[in-house]
Amino acid sequence: MEYQAPEVIEIGSFEEMTLGRKYADTADENAYQH
């Protein structure tokens, strides 16, 4: 999990576990838009 950025830890850690790193990028962008 060290590859996660501090900004992505909140939602990234959860999204990456459930969906994976590929979808984590999209989820991360959506999180910032909300």
PDB file of N, CA and C in Angstrom:
ATOM      1  N   MET A   1       0.838  -1.207   0.000  1.00  0.00           N
ATOM      2  CA  MET A   1       0.000   0.000   0.000  1.00  0.00           C
ATOM      3  C   MET A   1       0.873   1.258   0.000  1.00  0.00           C
ATOM      4  N   GLU A   2       2.168   1.075  -0.037  1.00  0.00           N
ATOM      5  CA  GLU A   2       3.069   2.228   0.013  1.00  0.00           C
ATOM      6  C   GLU A   2       2.990   3.054  -1.264  1.00  0.00           C
ATOM      7  N   TYR A   3       2.437   2.463  -2.335  1.00  0.00           N
ATOM      8  CA  TYR A   3       2.345   3.187  -3.613  1.00  0.00           C
ATOM      9  C   TYR A   3       1.232   4.221  -3.569  1.00  0.00           C
ATOM     10  N   GLN A   4       0.387   4.174  -2.552  1.00  0.00           N
ATOM     11  CA  GLN A   4      -0.722   5.123  -2.454  1.00  0.00           C
ATOM     12  C   GLN A   4      -0.209   6.500  -2.045  1.00  0.00           C
ATOM     13  N   ALA A   5      -0.756   7.518  -2.653  1.00  0.00           N
ATOM     14  CA  ALA A   5      -0.383   8.880  -2.291  1.00  0.00           C
ATOM     15  C   ALA A   5      -1.206   9.319  -1.083  1.00  0.00           C
ATOM     16  N   PRO A   6      -0.684  10.210  -0.256  1.00  0.00           N
ATOM     17  CA  PRO A   6      -1.386  10.690   0.940  1.00  0.00           C
ATOM     18  C   PRO A   6      -2.791  11.181   0.622  1.00  0.00           C
ATOM     19  N   GLU A   7      -2.955  11.793  -0.551  1.00  0.00           N
ATOM     20  CA  GLU A   7      -4.254  12.354  -0.917  1.00  0.00           C
ATOM     21  C   GLU A   7      -5.242  11.257  -1.294  1.00  0.00           C
ATOM     22  N   VAL A   8      -4.705  10.106  -1.712  1.00  0.00           N
ATOM     23  CA  VAL A   8      -5.575   9.029  -2.199  1.00  0.00           C
ATOM     24  C   VAL A   8      -5.871   8.009  -1.104  1.00  0.00           C
ATOM     25  N   ILE A   9      -5.158   8.116   0.012  1.00  0.00           N
ATOM     26  CA  ILE A   9      -5.308   7.127   1.085  1.00  0.00           C
ATOM     27  C   ILE A   9      -6.760   7.030   1.553  1.00  0.00           C
ATOM     28  N   GLU A  10      -7.441   8.163   1.681  1.00  0.00           N
ATOM     29  CA  GLU A  10      -8.812   8.157   2.203  1.00  0.00           C
ATOM     30  C   GLU A  10      -9.721   7.269   1.353  1.00  0.00           C
ATOM     31  N   ILE A  11      -9.903   7.646   0.084  1.00  0.00           N
ATOM     32  CA  ILE A  11     -10.797   6.876  -0.786  1.00  0.00           C
ATOM     33  C   ILE A  11     -10.007   5.839  -1.577  1.00  0.00           C
ATOM     34  N   GLY A  12      -8.758   6.157  -1.889  1.00  0.00           N
ATOM     35  CA  GLY A  12      -7.928   5.254  -2.677  1.00  0.00           C
ATOM     36  C   GLY A  12      -7.747   3.906  -1.999  1.00  0.00           C
ATOM     37  N   SER A  13      -7.452   3.918  -0.715  1.00  0.00           N
ATOM     38  CA  SER A  13      -7.227   2.677   0.012  1.00  0.00           C
ATOM     39  C   SER A  13      -8.449   1.768  -0.099  1.00  0.00           C
ATOM     40  N   PHE A  14      -9.633   2.352  -0.021  1.00  0.00           N
ATOM     41  CA  PHE A  14     -10.862   1.574  -0.098  1.00  0.00           C
ATOM     42  C   PHE A  14     -11.157   1.156  -1.531  1.00  0.00           C
ATOM     43  N   GLU A  15     -11.076   2.100  -2.451  1.00  0.00           N
ATOM     44  CA  GLU A  15     -11.380   1.821  -3.853  1.00  0.00           C
ATOM     45  C   GLU A  15     -10.397   0.809  -4.431  1.00  0.00           C
ATOM     46  N   GLU A  16      -9.130   0.961  -4.114  1.00  0.00           N
ATOM     47  CA  GLU A  16      -8.116   0.077  -4.676  1.00  0.00           C
ATOM     48  C   GLU A  16      -8.280  -1.342  -4.149  1.00  0.00           C
ATOM     49  N   MET A  17      -8.765  -1.480  -2.932  1.00  0.00           N
ATOM     50  CA  MET A  17      -8.979  -2.816  -2.373  1.00  0.00           C
ATOM     51  C   MET A  17     -10.174  -3.485  -3.040  1.00  0.00           C
ATOM     52  N   THR A  18     -11.225  -2.719  -3.296  1.00  0.00           N
ATOM     53  CA  THR A  18     -12.445  -3.292  -3.853  1.00  0.00           C
ATOM     54  C   THR A  18     -12.382  -3.379  -5.370  1.00  0.00           C
ATOM     55  N   LEU A  19     -12.009  -2.280  -6.019  1.00  0.00           N
ATOM     56  CA  LEU A  19     -12.036  -2.243  -7.481  1.00  0.00           C
ATOM     57  C   LEU A  19     -10.662  -2.525  -8.076  1.00  0.00           C
ATOM     58  N   GLY A  20      -9.612  -2.044  -7.452  1.00  0.00           N
ATOM     59  CA  GLY A  20      -8.272  -2.228  -8.003  1.00  0.00           C
ATOM     60  C   GLY A  20      -7.655  -0.898  -8.396  1.00  0.00           C
ATOM     61  N   ARG A  21      -6.343  -0.895  -8.630  1.00  0.00           N
ATOM     62  CA  ARG A  21      -5.642   0.360  -8.938  1.00  0.00           C
ATOM     63  C   ARG A  21      -6.187   1.004 -10.203  1.00  0.00           C
ATOM     64  N   LYS A  22      -6.541   0.217 -11.207  1.00  0.00           N
ATOM     65  CA  LYS A  22      -7.039   0.771 -12.471  1.00  0.00           C
ATOM     66  C   LYS A  22      -8.243   1.671 -12.216  1.00  0.00           C
ATOM     67  N   TYR A  23      -9.214   1.146 -11.468  1.00  0.00           N
ATOM     68  CA  TYR A  23     -10.431   1.906 -11.204  1.00  0.00           C
ATOM     69  C   TYR A  23     -10.192   2.969 -10.130  1.00  0.00           C
ATOM     70  N   ALA A  24      -9.134   2.801  -9.365  1.00  0.00           N
ATOM     71  CA  ALA A  24      -8.827   3.757  -8.298  1.00  0.00           C
ATOM     72  C   ALA A  24      -8.552   5.135  -8.888  1.00  0.00           C
ATOM     73  N   ASP A  25      -7.878   5.166 -10.040  1.00  0.00           N
ATOM     74  CA  ASP A  25      -7.579   6.451 -10.677  1.00  0.00           C
ATOM     75  C   ASP A  25      -8.872   7.174 -11.023  1.00  0.00           C
ATOM     76  N   THR A  26      -9.835   6.444 -11.578  1.00  0.00           N
ATOM     77  CA  THR A  26     -11.112   7.051 -11.955  1.00  0.00           C
ATOM     78  C   THR A  26     -11.882   7.477 -10.704  1.00  0.00           C
ATOM     79  N   ALA A  27     -11.891   6.631  -9.709  1.00  0.00           N
ATOM     80  CA  ALA A  27     -12.599   6.937  -8.464  1.00  0.00           C
ATOM     81  C   ALA A  27     -11.981   8.153  -7.794  1.00  0.00           C
ATOM     82  N   ASP A  28     -10.664   8.269  -7.907  1.00  0.00           N
ATOM     83  CA  ASP A  28      -9.967   9.405  -7.291  1.00  0.00           C
ATOM     84  C   ASP A  28     -10.396  10.701  -7.953  1.00  0.00           C
ATOM     85  N   GLU A  29     -10.482  10.688  -9.275  1.00  0.00           N
ATOM     86  CA  GLU A  29     -10.895  11.893 -10.002  1.00  0.00           C
ATOM     87  C   GLU A  29     -12.340  12.251  -9.647  1.00  0.00           C
ATOM     88  N   ASN A  30     -13.194  11.247  -9.559  1.00  0.00           N
ATOM     89  CA  ASN A  30     -14.597  11.480  -9.225  1.00  0.00           C
ATOM     90  C   ASN A  30     -14.720  12.063  -7.816  1.00  0.00           C
ATOM     91  N   ALA A  31     -13.879  11.612  -6.916  1.00  0.00           N
ATOM     92  CA  ALA A  31     -13.924  12.087  -5.532  1.00  0.00           C
ATOM     93  C   ALA A  31     -13.615  13.578  -5.481  1.00  0.00           C
ATOM     94  N   TYR A  32     -12.665  14.009  -6.298  1.00  0.00           N
ATOM     95  CA  TYR A  32     -12.295  15.428  -6.287  1.00  0.00           C
ATOM     96  C   TYR A  32     -13.400  16.266  -6.919  1.00  0.00           C
ATOM     97  N   GLN A  33     -14.124  15.690  -7.869  1.00  0.00           N
ATOM     98  CA  GLN A  33     -15.195  16.434  -8.544  1.00  0.00           C
ATOM     99  C   GLN A  33     -16.394  16.618  -7.623  1.00  0.00           C
ATOM    100  N   HIS A  34     -16.615  15.650  -6.730  1.00  0.00           N
ATOM    101  CA  HIS A  34     -17.785  15.733  -5.851  1.00  0.00           C
ATOM    102  C   HIS A  34     -17.608  16.820  -4.809  1.00  0.00           C
TER     103      HIS A  34
END
